[in-house]
Amino acid sequence: MKSLEAVPTIVACAVVALSAGTGTASAYDGARTADSAVTTSRSAAPAVAGLCTSGALSGQGVAGARSPGEVTRRLGPLTRQHRAARGYVAGKGAQAAPGGSRTDGKPMAATIHPAQGTAFKQLQGSDGACATQSVSTQVRVRDAGTTIYTPTMYPAGGSCIELVTVYNQGEASVSAWDWCRSVTFKASVPIDSAFLNTYSDGRTSAYTGRVVKTSAATNTWAADLYNYRTGGWDRLYTQSGTTQARYDGWDIYELYSTVGSSGRSGSCDAMSGITFESANISVRTNGVWAAASPANSDTGYDAPNSAFYCPTRTYRMVNAYDHWLAVG
C-alpha cells in the first residue's frame, strides 16, 4: 500500500437521508403521517456531498457520547451476535461476510441475517470510503430476536473501526465497533433530539460520519461525526492495530431477525414505512477519491429481497454503486 503519510487524511464516511415526507422518519421526533403511503425520500446528497473531504477537526468529542461503562451495558449483549455474523474466531479473525453464512457451517445467531447495498472491493491502495448514514427516531423493535444495523459502514483497506447505526429493543444509536483489539462496541451516542439538533442538517434525519486513517505506520483509524452547528468534525472513537475483520468493505443495509408463524420477520414490523437511503458513496484509493462504481465496488453481499421475509419492503440500487434506497 502506498504510504499514507504523504497524502491527505483518509476518510471513510457514510450519510443516509430520511425523508421528512409522508410516512417516513422526520429530522425531529413525532413526524409520521398515517394516512398515505411512503413517498420517495428527499435525499440529503446535495447538502453533504463535499463534507467528507472538507472541514477540520473540532478538537471535541462527540456531544452526548456514552461513558465506556454505559456502552458496555447497552451494547455488550450484542457482542456475541456481531462476532458470529462475521464468523469471528479468537486469534483467527473474521471468516465470514456481512449477510453471509459462517464458514464452519454453524447456524447464525439469528434466524435470518440478510444484507443489501454497496460492497467495496479490496484493491491495492484502498484507503477510505465515504457515503451518507440514516438515523430515525421512529424505528420500534419489539422482539428480542431483532437487531438492525442499517446502515453500517466499514471501509476497505483493513480498518480498525466499523461505524454502525444500531437499533434493537430500547436502543437507537450511532456506534463504533472495534475490529482491531477488543472486537466489540467501544463507543456510542444515542439517537435523540439532541443528536439530531447537532449532527443533522435540520432538514433530514441524516448524519455525516467518517472513519479516518490517521497513521499508516500503526494502522490507526478514527471515527468522527460532522457537527452541523460548528462546521467541524467531532471524534467518536480511535483505534490502532491489525484488523481482525476483512480487507474489503461495505456500506450496507444489514439486520438480524426472527420469522414468526405468519412468515413475516420482526424487522419488517420495526422498519415499516421508514425510508433508509445511502447516497454519495465514494471510495478512496492511493489518496484519490472516486464515486463508488463497478471499478471499485459491487453488490457482492446482496441477498434477494425474499431473504428479508418482508413482503412490503422495497429496495433498489439507485445508481451503481453510489446510491441505494430501501423502504421498510
C-alpha atoms as a PDB file:
ATOM      1  CA  MET A   1       0.000   0.000   0.000  1.00  0.00           C
ATOM      2  CA  LYS A   2       1.180   3.491  -0.779  1.00  0.00           C
ATOM      3  CA  SER A   3       2.355   5.376   2.283  1.00  0.00           C
ATOM      4  CA  LEU A   4      -0.498   7.385   3.732  1.00  0.00           C
ATOM      5  CA  GLU A   5       1.735   9.880   5.464  1.00  0.00           C
ATOM      6  CA  ALA A   6       2.296  11.791   2.237  1.00  0.00           C
ATOM      7  CA  VAL A   7      -1.357  12.153   1.283  1.00  0.00           C
ATOM      8  CA  PRO A   8      -4.276  13.989   2.924  1.00  0.00           C
ATOM      9  CA  THR A   9      -6.148  12.373   5.783  1.00  0.00           C
ATOM     10  CA  ILE A  10      -8.099   9.333   4.675  1.00  0.00           C
ATOM     11  CA  VAL A  11     -11.805   9.297   5.184  1.00  0.00           C
ATOM     12  CA  ALA A  12     -14.458   6.675   5.315  1.00  0.00           C
ATOM     13  CA  CYS A  13     -17.765   8.306   5.910  1.00  0.00           C
ATOM     14  CA  ALA A  14     -21.366   7.495   5.447  1.00  0.00           C
ATOM     15  CA  VAL A  15     -24.500   9.576   5.367  1.00  0.00           C
ATOM     16  CA  VAL A  16     -28.018   8.415   4.721  1.00  0.00           C
ATOM     17  CA  ALA A  17     -31.074  10.615   4.335  1.00  0.00           C
ATOM     18  CA  LEU A  18     -34.542  10.013   5.661  1.00  0.00           C
ATOM     19  CA  SER A  19     -37.329  11.987   4.078  1.00  0.00           C
ATOM     20  CA  ALA A  20     -39.418  14.419   6.019  1.00  0.00           C
ATOM     21  CA  GLY A  21     -42.194  13.357   3.662  1.00  0.00           C
ATOM     22  CA  THR A  22     -45.279  11.346   4.407  1.00  0.00           C
ATOM     23  CA  GLY A  23     -44.783   8.060   6.200  1.00  0.00           C
ATOM     24  CA  THR A  24     -41.036   8.401   6.636  1.00  0.00           C
ATOM     25  CA  ALA A  25     -38.935   9.499   9.563  1.00  0.00           C
ATOM     26  CA  SER A  26     -38.549  13.222  10.054  1.00  0.00           C
ATOM     27  CA  ALA A  27     -35.464  15.013  11.322  1.00  0.00           C
ATOM     28  CA  TYR A  28     -37.338  15.581  14.541  1.00  0.00           C
ATOM     29  CA  ASP A  29     -39.480  13.441  16.797  1.00  0.00           C
ATOM     30  CA  GLY A  30     -43.095  12.674  16.065  1.00  0.00           C
ATOM     31  CA  ALA A  31     -43.075  13.249  12.343  1.00  0.00           C
ATOM     32  CA  ARG A  32     -45.135  10.414  10.939  1.00  0.00           C
ATOM     33  CA  THR A  33     -48.337  10.787   8.915  1.00  0.00           C
ATOM     34  CA  ALA A  34     -50.520   7.710   8.861  1.00  0.00           C
ATOM     35  CA  ASP A  35     -52.939   8.455   6.053  1.00  0.00           C
ATOM     36  CA  SER A  36     -50.803   7.869   2.967  1.00  0.00           C
ATOM     37  CA  ALA A  37     -48.128   5.616   1.524  1.00  0.00           C
ATOM     38  CA  VAL A  38     -44.408   6.103   1.833  1.00  0.00           C
ATOM     39  CA  THR A  39     -43.009   8.640  -0.582  1.00  0.00           C
ATOM     40  CA  THR A  40     -39.582   8.762  -2.149  1.00  0.00           C
ATOM     41  CA  SER A  41     -37.210  10.273   0.354  1.00  0.00           C
ATOM     42  CA  ARG A  42     -35.746  13.725  -0.097  1.00  0.00           C
ATOM     43  CA  SER A  43     -32.074  12.999  -0.454  1.00  0.00           C
ATOM     44  CA  ALA A  44     -29.572  14.921   1.635  1.00  0.00           C
ATOM     45  CA  ALA A  45     -26.954  14.252  -1.021  1.00  0.00           C
ATOM     46  CA  PRO A  46     -26.578  17.792  -2.410  1.00  0.00           C
ATOM     47  CA  ALA A  47     -26.091  19.298   1.033  1.00  0.00           C
ATOM     48  CA  VAL A  48     -23.439  16.871   2.209  1.00  0.00           C
ATOM     49  CA  ALA A  49     -21.617  15.898  -0.951  1.00  0.00           C
ATOM     50  CA  GLY A  50     -18.479  17.860  -0.032  1.00  0.00           C
ATOM     51  CA  LEU A  51     -18.395  17.302   3.719  1.00  0.00           C
ATOM     52  CA  CYS A  52     -16.299  14.156   3.670  1.00  0.00           C
ATOM     53  CA  THR A  53     -13.359  15.947   2.092  1.00  0.00           C
ATOM     54  CA  SER A  54     -13.711  19.258   3.874  1.00  0.00           C
ATOM     55  CA  GLY A  55     -13.841  20.658   7.369  1.00  0.00           C
ATOM     56  CA  ALA A  56     -11.393  20.446  10.230  1.00  0.00           C
ATOM     57  CA  LEU A  57     -11.362  18.513  13.478  1.00  0.00           C
ATOM     58  CA  SER A  58     -13.113  20.444  16.213  1.00  0.00           C
ATOM     59  CA  GLY A  59     -10.874  19.092  18.930  1.00  0.00           C
ATOM     60  CA  GLN A  60     -14.012  17.971  20.765  1.00  0.00           C
ATOM     61  CA  GLY A  61     -15.528  14.590  21.429  1.00  0.00           C
ATOM     62  CA  VAL A  62     -18.982  13.735  20.121  1.00  0.00           C
ATOM     63  CA  ALA A  63     -21.606  15.562  22.163  1.00  0.00           C
ATOM     64  CA  GLY A  64     -23.750  13.222  24.236  1.00  0.00           C
ATOM     65  CA  ALA A  65     -21.455  10.215  23.809  1.00  0.00           C
ATOM     66  CA  ARG A  66     -21.983   7.493  26.393  1.00  0.00           C
ATOM     67  CA  SER A  67     -19.457   6.569  29.043  1.00  0.00           C
ATOM     68  CA  PRO A  68     -17.475   3.351  28.454  1.00  0.00           C
ATOM     69  CA  GLY A  69     -19.497   1.618  31.149  1.00  0.00           C
ATOM     70  CA  GLU A  70     -22.790   2.627  29.570  1.00  0.00           C
ATOM     71  CA  VAL A  71     -21.602   1.437  26.150  1.00  0.00           C
ATOM     72  CA  THR A  72     -20.811  -1.964  27.638  1.00  0.00           C
ATOM     73  CA  ARG A  73     -24.122  -2.154  29.499  1.00  0.00           C
ATOM     74  CA  ARG A  74     -26.255  -1.263  26.498  1.00  0.00           C
ATOM     75  CA  LEU A  75     -24.316  -2.825  23.620  1.00  0.00           C
ATOM     76  CA  GLY A  76     -22.252  -5.551  25.268  1.00  0.00           C
ATOM     77  CA  PRO A  77     -25.051  -8.135  24.833  1.00  0.00           C
ATOM     78  CA  LEU A  78     -24.708  -7.697  21.048  1.00  0.00           C
ATOM     79  CA  THR A  79     -21.038  -8.707  21.016  1.00  0.00           C
ATOM     80  CA  ARG A  80     -21.566 -12.435  20.507  1.00  0.00           C
ATOM     81  CA  GLN A  81     -24.112 -11.823  17.750  1.00  0.00           C
ATOM     82  CA  HIS A  82     -21.934  -9.398  15.800  1.00  0.00           C
ATOM     83  CA  ARG A  83     -18.873 -11.644  16.121  1.00  0.00           C
ATOM     84  CA  ALA A  84     -20.858 -14.670  14.965  1.00  0.00           C
ATOM     85  CA  ALA A  85     -22.158 -12.738  11.986  1.00  0.00           C
ATOM     86  CA  ARG A  86     -18.613 -12.358  10.711  1.00  0.00           C
ATOM     87  CA  GLY A  87     -17.588 -15.885  11.671  1.00  0.00           C
ATOM     88  CA  TYR A  88     -15.177 -14.435  14.225  1.00  0.00           C
ATOM     89  CA  VAL A  89     -12.811 -16.882  15.912  1.00  0.00           C
ATOM     90  CA  ALA A  90     -10.442 -15.562  18.581  1.00  0.00           C
ATOM     91  CA  GLY A  91      -6.924 -15.425  17.218  1.00  0.00           C
ATOM     92  CA  LYS A  92      -8.100 -16.094  13.667  1.00  0.00           C
ATOM     93  CA  GLY A  93     -10.262 -13.071  12.973  1.00  0.00           C
ATOM     94  CA  ALA A  94     -13.485 -12.843  10.992  1.00  0.00           C
ATOM     95  CA  GLN A  95     -14.061 -15.545   8.416  1.00  0.00           C
ATOM     96  CA  ALA A  96     -17.490 -14.611   7.055  1.00  0.00           C
ATOM     97  CA  ALA A  97     -19.045 -11.712   5.191  1.00  0.00           C
ATOM     98  CA  PRO A  98     -21.955  -9.428   6.128  1.00  0.00           C
ATOM     99  CA  GLY A  99     -25.190 -11.219   5.400  1.00  0.00           C
ATOM    100  CA  GLY A 100     -23.340 -14.444   4.650  1.00  0.00           C
ATOM    101  CA  SER A 101     -23.058 -17.877   6.194  1.00  0.00           C
ATOM    102  CA  ARG A 102     -20.372 -18.851   8.620  1.00  0.00           C
ATOM    103  CA  THR A 103     -17.535 -20.801   7.084  1.00  0.00           C
ATOM    104  CA  ASP A 104     -17.785 -23.569   9.692  1.00  0.00           C
ATOM    105  CA  GLY A 105     -21.403 -24.334   8.801  1.00  0.00           C
ATOM    106  CA  LYS A 106     -22.767 -23.474  12.253  1.00  0.00           C
ATOM    107  CA  PRO A 107     -26.017 -21.517  12.496  1.00  0.00           C
ATOM    108  CA  MET A 108     -26.001 -17.743  12.770  1.00  0.00           C
ATOM    109  CA  ALA A 109     -27.087 -16.012  15.968  1.00  0.00           C
ATOM    110  CA  ALA A 110     -30.455 -15.061  14.474  1.00  0.00           C
ATOM    111  CA  THR A 111     -32.957 -16.827  12.256  1.00  0.00           C
ATOM    112  CA  ILE A 112     -32.203 -14.538   9.326  1.00  0.00           C
ATOM    113  CA  HIS A 113     -29.220 -12.285   8.604  1.00  0.00           C
ATOM    114  CA  PRO A 114     -29.615 -10.658   5.177  1.00  0.00           C
ATOM    115  CA  ALA A 115     -27.847  -7.631   3.735  1.00  0.00           C
ATOM    116  CA  GLN A 116     -28.046  -5.418   0.660  1.00  0.00           C
ATOM    117  CA  GLY A 117     -26.076  -2.410  -0.511  1.00  0.00           C
ATOM    118  CA  THR A 118     -22.631  -1.441  -1.727  1.00  0.00           C
ATOM    119  CA  ALA A 119     -19.643  -3.742  -1.273  1.00  0.00           C
ATOM    120  CA  PHE A 120     -16.206  -2.137  -1.549  1.00  0.00           C
ATOM    121  CA  LYS A 121     -13.665  -4.211  -3.454  1.00  0.00           C
ATOM    122  CA  GLN A 122     -10.293  -4.945  -1.910  1.00  0.00           C
ATOM    123  CA  LEU A 123      -7.963  -3.013  -4.202  1.00  0.00           C
ATOM    124  CA  GLN A 124      -4.271  -2.258  -3.936  1.00  0.00           C
ATOM    125  CA  GLY A 125      -4.087   1.048  -2.117  1.00  0.00           C
ATOM    126  CA  SER A 126      -7.650   1.032  -0.760  1.00  0.00           C
ATOM    127  CA  ASP A 127      -7.573   3.746   1.861  1.00  0.00           C
ATOM    128  CA  GLY A 128     -11.029   5.106   2.522  1.00  0.00           C
ATOM    129  CA  ALA A 129     -14.729   5.315   1.793  1.00  0.00           C
ATOM    130  CA  CYS A 130     -17.437   7.911   2.134  1.00  0.00           C
ATOM    131  CA  ALA A 131     -21.229   7.879   1.988  1.00  0.00           C
ATOM    132  CA  THR A 132     -24.263   9.161   3.956  1.00  0.00           C
ATOM    133  CA  GLN A 133     -25.844   7.308   7.086  1.00  0.00           C
ATOM    134  CA  SER A 134     -29.521   7.289   8.138  1.00  0.00           C
ATOM    135  CA  VAL A 135     -30.946   7.742  11.587  1.00  0.00           C
ATOM    136  CA  SER A 136     -34.536   7.543  12.761  1.00  0.00           C
ATOM    137  CA  THR A 137     -36.404   8.057  15.995  1.00  0.00           C
ATOM    138  CA  GLN A 138     -39.296   6.083  14.511  1.00  0.00           C
ATOM    139  CA  VAL A 139     -37.823   2.560  14.437  1.00  0.00           C
ATOM    140  CA  ARG A 140     -39.619   0.400  17.014  1.00  0.00           C
ATOM    141  CA  VAL A 141     -38.047  -3.002  17.676  1.00  0.00           C
ATOM    142  CA  ARG A 142     -40.473  -5.069  19.735  1.00  0.00           C
ATOM    143  CA  ASP A 143     -38.922  -8.541  19.747  1.00  0.00           C
ATOM    144  CA  ALA A 144     -35.647  -9.621  21.317  1.00  0.00           C
ATOM    145  CA  GLY A 145     -34.640 -11.516  18.191  1.00  0.00           C
ATOM    146  CA  THR A 146     -34.312  -8.417  16.024  1.00  0.00           C
ATOM    147  CA  THR A 147     -31.268  -6.168  15.748  1.00  0.00           C
ATOM    148  CA  ILE A 148     -30.964  -3.717  12.870  1.00  0.00           C
ATOM    149  CA  TYR A 149     -27.576  -2.426  11.690  1.00  0.00           C
ATOM    150  CA  THR A 150     -28.746  -0.034   8.996  1.00  0.00           C
ATOM    151  CA  PRO A 151     -26.683   1.469   7.623  1.00  0.00           C
ATOM    152  CA  THR A 152     -23.363   0.018   8.669  1.00  0.00           C
ATOM    153  CA  MET A 153     -20.137   1.148   7.051  1.00  0.00           C
ATOM    154  CA  TYR A 154     -16.685  -0.426   7.039  1.00  0.00           C
ATOM    155  CA  PRO A 155     -14.010   0.870   4.648  1.00  0.00           C
ATOM    156  CA  ALA A 156     -11.788  -1.424   2.619  1.00  0.00           C
ATOM    157  CA  GLY A 157      -8.110  -1.456   3.491  1.00  0.00           C
ATOM    158  CA  GLY A 158      -8.024  -3.070   6.938  1.00  0.00           C
ATOM    159  CA  SER A 159      -9.943  -0.577   9.064  1.00  0.00           C
ATOM    160  CA  CYS A 160      -9.975  -0.881  12.836  1.00  0.00           C
ATOM    161  CA  ILE A 161     -13.467   0.619  13.053  1.00  0.00           C
ATOM    162  CA  GLU A 162     -16.922  -0.153  11.717  1.00  0.00           C
ATOM    163  CA  LEU A 163     -19.380   2.740  12.089  1.00  0.00           C
ATOM    164  CA  VAL A 164     -22.799   1.273  12.809  1.00  0.00           C
ATOM    165  CA  THR A 165     -26.321   2.629  13.166  1.00  0.00           C
ATOM    166  CA  VAL A 166     -27.857   0.297  15.757  1.00  0.00           C
ATOM    167  CA  TYR A 167     -31.500  -0.429  16.580  1.00  0.00           C
ATOM    168  CA  ASN A 168     -32.815  -3.111  18.911  1.00  0.00           C
ATOM    169  CA  GLN A 169     -35.161  -3.240  21.896  1.00  0.00           C
ATOM    170  CA  GLY A 170     -34.770   0.077  23.699  1.00  0.00           C
ATOM    171  CA  GLU A 171     -31.707   1.057  21.663  1.00  0.00           C
ATOM    172  CA  ALA A 172     -31.104   3.551  18.866  1.00  0.00           C
ATOM    173  CA  SER A 173     -27.545   4.756  18.493  1.00  0.00           C
ATOM    174  CA  VAL A 174     -24.623   5.556  16.247  1.00  0.00           C
ATOM    175  CA  SER A 175     -21.835   3.324  17.498  1.00  0.00           C
ATOM    176  CA  ALA A 176     -18.244   2.343  16.773  1.00  0.00           C
ATOM    177  CA  TRP A 177     -17.179  -1.302  16.671  1.00  0.00           C
ATOM    178  CA  ASP A 178     -13.503  -2.059  17.341  1.00  0.00           C
ATOM    179  CA  TRP A 179     -12.154  -4.629  14.855  1.00  0.00           C
ATOM    180  CA  CYS A 180      -8.501  -4.439  15.907  1.00  0.00           C
ATOM    181  CA  ARG A 181      -8.323  -5.157  19.637  1.00  0.00           C
ATOM    182  CA  SER A 182     -11.414  -5.798  21.768  1.00  0.00           C
ATOM    183  CA  VAL A 183     -13.724  -6.836  18.880  1.00  0.00           C
ATOM    184  CA  THR A 184     -16.777  -5.271  20.479  1.00  0.00           C
ATOM    185  CA  PHE A 185     -18.648  -1.971  20.577  1.00  0.00           C
ATOM    186  CA  LYS A 186     -16.443   0.653  22.216  1.00  0.00           C
ATOM    187  CA  ALA A 187     -18.199   3.999  21.655  1.00  0.00           C
ATOM    188  CA  SER A 188     -21.766   5.125  21.157  1.00  0.00           C
ATOM    189  CA  VAL A 189     -24.060   8.141  21.063  1.00  0.00           C
ATOM    190  CA  PRO A 190     -27.861   7.796  21.365  1.00  0.00           C
ATOM    191  CA  ILE A 191     -30.103   8.945  18.532  1.00  0.00           C
ATOM    192  CA  ASP A 192     -32.347  11.526  20.165  1.00  0.00           C
ATOM    193  CA  SER A 193     -33.401  15.144  19.661  1.00  0.00           C
ATOM    194  CA  ALA A 194     -30.069  16.440  20.987  1.00  0.00           C
ATOM    195  CA  PHE A 195     -28.191  14.278  18.481  1.00  0.00           C
ATOM    196  CA  LEU A 196     -30.395  15.456  15.610  1.00  0.00           C
ATOM    197  CA  ASN A 197     -30.032  19.101  16.626  1.00  0.00           C
ATOM    198  CA  THR A 198     -26.247  18.762  16.492  1.00  0.00           C
ATOM    199  CA  TYR A 199     -25.425  16.154  13.863  1.00  0.00           C
ATOM    200  CA  SER A 200     -28.228  16.543  11.308  1.00  0.00           C
ATOM    201  CA  ASP A 201     -28.709  19.498   8.981  1.00  0.00           C
ATOM    202  CA  GLY A 202     -32.187  20.278  10.324  1.00  0.00           C
ATOM    203  CA  ARG A 203     -33.893  19.220   7.084  1.00  0.00           C
ATOM    204  CA  THR A 204     -33.441  15.467   7.138  1.00  0.00           C
ATOM    205  CA  SER A 205     -32.793  12.711   9.659  1.00  0.00           C
ATOM    206  CA  ALA A 206     -29.246  12.218   8.465  1.00  0.00           C
ATOM    207  CA  TYR A 207     -25.807  12.486   9.975  1.00  0.00           C
ATOM    208  CA  THR A 208     -22.430  12.636   8.290  1.00  0.00           C
ATOM    209  CA  GLY A 209     -19.882  10.211   9.685  1.00  0.00           C
ATOM    210  CA  ARG A 210     -16.401   9.223   8.659  1.00  0.00           C
ATOM    211  CA  VAL A 211     -13.760   6.686   9.537  1.00  0.00           C
ATOM    212  CA  VAL A 212     -10.363   8.261   9.051  1.00  0.00           C
ATOM    213  CA  LYS A 213      -6.999   6.546   8.730  1.00  0.00           C
ATOM    214  CA  THR A 214      -4.674   8.811  10.684  1.00  0.00           C
ATOM    215  CA  SER A 215      -1.450   6.760  10.644  1.00  0.00           C
ATOM    216  CA  ALA A 216      -0.173   4.231   8.137  1.00  0.00           C
ATOM    217  CA  ALA A 217       2.683   3.182  10.418  1.00  0.00           C
ATOM    218  CA  THR A 218       0.379   1.995  13.213  1.00  0.00           C
ATOM    219  CA  ASN A 219      -2.803   1.441  11.169  1.00  0.00           C
ATOM    220  CA  THR A 220      -4.644   3.960  13.327  1.00  0.00           C
ATOM    221  CA  TRP A 221      -8.217   4.870  12.428  1.00  0.00           C
ATOM    222  CA  ALA A 222     -10.657   7.371  13.923  1.00  0.00           C
ATOM    223  CA  ALA A 223     -14.433   7.682  13.671  1.00  0.00           C
ATOM    224  CA  ASP A 224     -15.764  11.238  13.508  1.00  0.00           C
ATOM    225  CA  LEU A 225     -19.205  12.832  13.168  1.00  0.00           C
ATOM    226  CA  TYR A 226     -19.768  16.134  11.404  1.00  0.00           C
ATOM    227  CA  ASN A 227     -21.167  18.807  13.718  1.00  0.00           C
ATOM    228  CA  TYR A 228     -23.553  20.971  11.709  1.00  0.00           C
ATOM    229  CA  ARG A 229     -23.638  23.611  14.429  1.00  0.00           C
ATOM    230  CA  THR A 230     -19.874  24.228  14.482  1.00  0.00           C
ATOM    231  CA  GLY A 231     -18.884  23.115  10.992  1.00  0.00           C
ATOM    232  CA  GLY A 232     -16.213  20.767  12.336  1.00  0.00           C
ATOM    233  CA  TRP A 233     -15.666  17.060  12.932  1.00  0.00           C
ATOM    234  CA  ASP A 234     -16.192  15.682  16.454  1.00  0.00           C
ATOM    235  CA  ARG A 235     -14.366  12.498  17.382  1.00  0.00           C
ATOM    236  CA  LEU A 236     -16.278   9.400  18.475  1.00  0.00           C
ATOM    237  CA  TYR A 237     -13.538   6.765  18.684  1.00  0.00           C
ATOM    238  CA  THR A 238      -9.995   5.899  17.633  1.00  0.00           C
ATOM    239  CA  GLN A 239      -8.128   2.584  17.484  1.00  0.00           C
ATOM    240  CA  SER A 240      -4.969   1.087  16.001  1.00  0.00           C
ATOM    241  CA  GLY A 241      -3.511  -2.343  15.323  1.00  0.00           C
ATOM    242  CA  THR A 242      -4.216  -5.147  12.886  1.00  0.00           C
ATOM    243  CA  THR A 243      -7.787  -5.654  11.787  1.00  0.00           C
ATOM    244  CA  GLN A 244      -9.438  -8.923  12.742  1.00  0.00           C
ATOM    245  CA  ALA A 245     -12.129  -8.321  10.140  1.00  0.00           C
ATOM    246  CA  ARG A 246     -11.880  -8.263   6.351  1.00  0.00           C
ATOM    247  CA  TYR A 247      -9.873  -6.180   3.893  1.00  0.00           C
ATOM    248  CA  ASP A 248     -12.790  -5.462   1.607  1.00  0.00           C
ATOM    249  CA  GLY A 249     -15.591  -3.254   2.917  1.00  0.00           C
ATOM    250  CA  TRP A 250     -19.225  -2.204   2.739  1.00  0.00           C
ATOM    251  CA  ASP A 251     -21.928   0.413   3.115  1.00  0.00           C
ATOM    252  CA  ILE A 252     -24.983  -1.759   3.543  1.00  0.00           C
ATOM    253  CA  TYR A 253     -28.450  -2.387   4.939  1.00  0.00           C
ATOM    254  CA  GLU A 254     -27.982  -5.295   7.372  1.00  0.00           C
ATOM    255  CA  LEU A 255     -30.122  -6.892  10.055  1.00  0.00           C
ATOM    256  CA  TYR A 256     -30.819  -9.935  12.192  1.00  0.00           C
ATOM    257  CA  SER A 257     -34.351 -11.048  12.882  1.00  0.00           C
ATOM    258  CA  THR A 258     -36.643 -13.936  13.646  1.00  0.00           C
ATOM    259  CA  VAL A 259     -39.519 -15.006  11.439  1.00  0.00           C
ATOM    260  CA  GLY A 260     -42.923 -15.609  13.001  1.00  0.00           C
ATOM    261  CA  SER A 261     -45.533 -18.195  12.107  1.00  0.00           C
ATOM    262  CA  SER A 262     -47.007 -15.706   9.643  1.00  0.00           C
ATOM    263  CA  GLY A 263     -43.794 -15.782   7.637  1.00  0.00           C
ATOM    264  CA  ARG A 264     -43.112 -12.124   8.417  1.00  0.00           C
ATOM    265  CA  SER A 265     -39.917 -11.036  10.175  1.00  0.00           C
ATOM    266  CA  GLY A 266     -39.839  -8.880  13.285  1.00  0.00           C
ATOM    267  CA  SER A 267     -37.657  -6.392  11.440  1.00  0.00           C
ATOM    268  CA  CYS A 268     -40.426  -5.916   8.876  1.00  0.00           C
ATOM    269  CA  ASP A 269     -42.721  -4.508  11.552  1.00  0.00           C
ATOM    270  CA  ALA A 270     -39.963  -2.439  13.172  1.00  0.00           C
ATOM    271  CA  MET A 271     -38.940  -0.747   9.920  1.00  0.00           C
ATOM    272  CA  SER A 272     -42.363  -0.469   8.307  1.00  0.00           C
ATOM    273  CA  GLY A 273     -42.917   2.754   6.386  1.00  0.00           C
ATOM    274  CA  ILE A 274     -39.432   4.157   7.015  1.00  0.00           C
ATOM    275  CA  THR A 275     -37.114   5.120   4.177  1.00  0.00           C
ATOM    276  CA  PHE A 276     -33.400   4.374   4.529  1.00  0.00           C
ATOM    277  CA  GLU A 277     -31.018   5.796   1.962  1.00  0.00           C
ATOM    278  CA  SER A 278     -27.275   5.907   1.443  1.00  0.00           C
ATOM    279  CA  ALA A 279     -26.004   8.432  -1.077  1.00  0.00           C
ATOM    280  CA  ASN A 280     -22.722   9.999  -2.201  1.00  0.00           C
ATOM    281  CA  ILE A 281     -20.973   6.704  -1.553  1.00  0.00           C
ATOM    282  CA  SER A 282     -17.323   7.101  -2.524  1.00  0.00           C
ATOM    283  CA  VAL A 283     -14.086   5.200  -2.102  1.00  0.00           C
ATOM    284  CA  ARG A 284     -10.514   6.360  -1.871  1.00  0.00           C
ATOM    285  CA  THR A 285      -7.570   4.562  -3.462  1.00  0.00           C
ATOM    286  CA  ASN A 286      -3.992   5.785  -3.051  1.00  0.00           C
ATOM    287  CA  GLY A 287      -5.334   9.098  -1.812  1.00  0.00           C
ATOM    288  CA  VAL A 288      -7.674   9.686  -4.746  1.00  0.00           C
ATOM    289  CA  TRP A 289     -11.445   9.917  -4.274  1.00  0.00           C
ATOM    290  CA  ALA A 290     -13.899   8.397  -6.730  1.00  0.00           C
ATOM    291  CA  ALA A 291     -17.612   7.654  -6.637  1.00  0.00           C
ATOM    292  CA  ALA A 292     -18.450   4.040  -5.879  1.00  0.00           C
ATOM    293  CA  SER A 293     -18.744   2.361  -9.271  1.00  0.00           C
ATOM    294  CA  PRO A 294     -18.156  -1.014 -10.937  1.00  0.00           C
ATOM    295  CA  ALA A 295     -14.449  -0.142 -10.939  1.00  0.00           C
ATOM    296  CA  ASN A 296     -14.197  -0.245  -7.145  1.00  0.00           C
ATOM    297  CA  SER A 297     -17.452  -1.695  -5.819  1.00  0.00           C
ATOM    298  CA  ASP A 298     -20.148  -4.263  -6.454  1.00  0.00           C
ATOM    299  CA  THR A 299     -23.117  -5.863  -4.697  1.00  0.00           C
ATOM    300  CA  GLY A 300     -21.344  -8.975  -3.504  1.00  0.00           C
ATOM    301  CA  TYR A 301     -23.134  -9.013  -0.153  1.00  0.00           C
ATOM    302  CA  ASP A 302     -26.653  -8.739  -1.568  1.00  0.00           C
ATOM    303  CA  ALA A 303     -29.301 -11.241  -0.538  1.00  0.00           C
ATOM    304  CA  PRO A 304     -32.548 -11.495  -2.546  1.00  0.00           C
ATOM    305  CA  ASN A 305     -35.487  -9.439  -1.304  1.00  0.00           C
ATOM    306  CA  SER A 306     -37.186 -12.656  -0.196  1.00  0.00           C
ATOM    307  CA  ALA A 307     -34.440 -13.192   2.398  1.00  0.00           C
ATOM    308  CA  PHE A 308     -35.848 -10.305   4.458  1.00  0.00           C
ATOM    309  CA  TYR A 309     -39.258 -12.004   4.923  1.00  0.00           C
ATOM    310  CA  CYS A 310     -40.983  -8.668   4.462  1.00  0.00           C
ATOM    311  CA  PRO A 311     -43.450  -8.526   1.556  1.00  0.00           C
ATOM    312  CA  THR A 312     -43.985  -4.773   1.914  1.00  0.00           C
ATOM    313  CA  ARG A 313     -40.276  -3.899   1.821  1.00  0.00           C
ATOM    314  CA  THR A 314     -38.698  -2.420  -1.303  1.00  0.00           C
ATOM    315  CA  TYR A 315     -35.055  -1.887  -2.209  1.00  0.00           C
ATOM    316  CA  ARG A 316     -33.185  -0.544  -5.194  1.00  0.00           C
ATOM    317  CA  MET A 317     -29.698   0.471  -6.160  1.00  0.00           C
ATOM    318  CA  VAL A 318     -30.486   3.942  -7.457  1.00  0.00           C
ATOM    319  CA  ASN A 319     -27.123   4.377  -9.147  1.00  0.00           C
ATOM    320  CA  ALA A 320     -24.416   1.728  -9.237  1.00  0.00           C
ATOM    321  CA  TYR A 321     -22.910   1.812  -6.682  1.00  0.00           C
ATOM    322  CA  ASP A 322     -23.002   5.221  -5.041  1.00  0.00           C
ATOM    323  CA  HIS A 323     -26.671   5.408  -4.026  1.00  0.00           C
ATOM    324  CA  TRP A 324     -29.058   2.827  -2.584  1.00  0.00           C
ATOM    325  CA  LEU A 325     -32.518   3.219  -1.102  1.00  0.00           C
ATOM    326  CA  ALA A 326     -34.789   0.929   0.910  1.00  0.00           C
ATOM    327  CA  VAL A 327     -38.290   1.395   2.296  1.00  0.00           C
ATOM    328  CA  GLY A 328     -39.414  -0.749   5.206  1.00  0.00           C
END
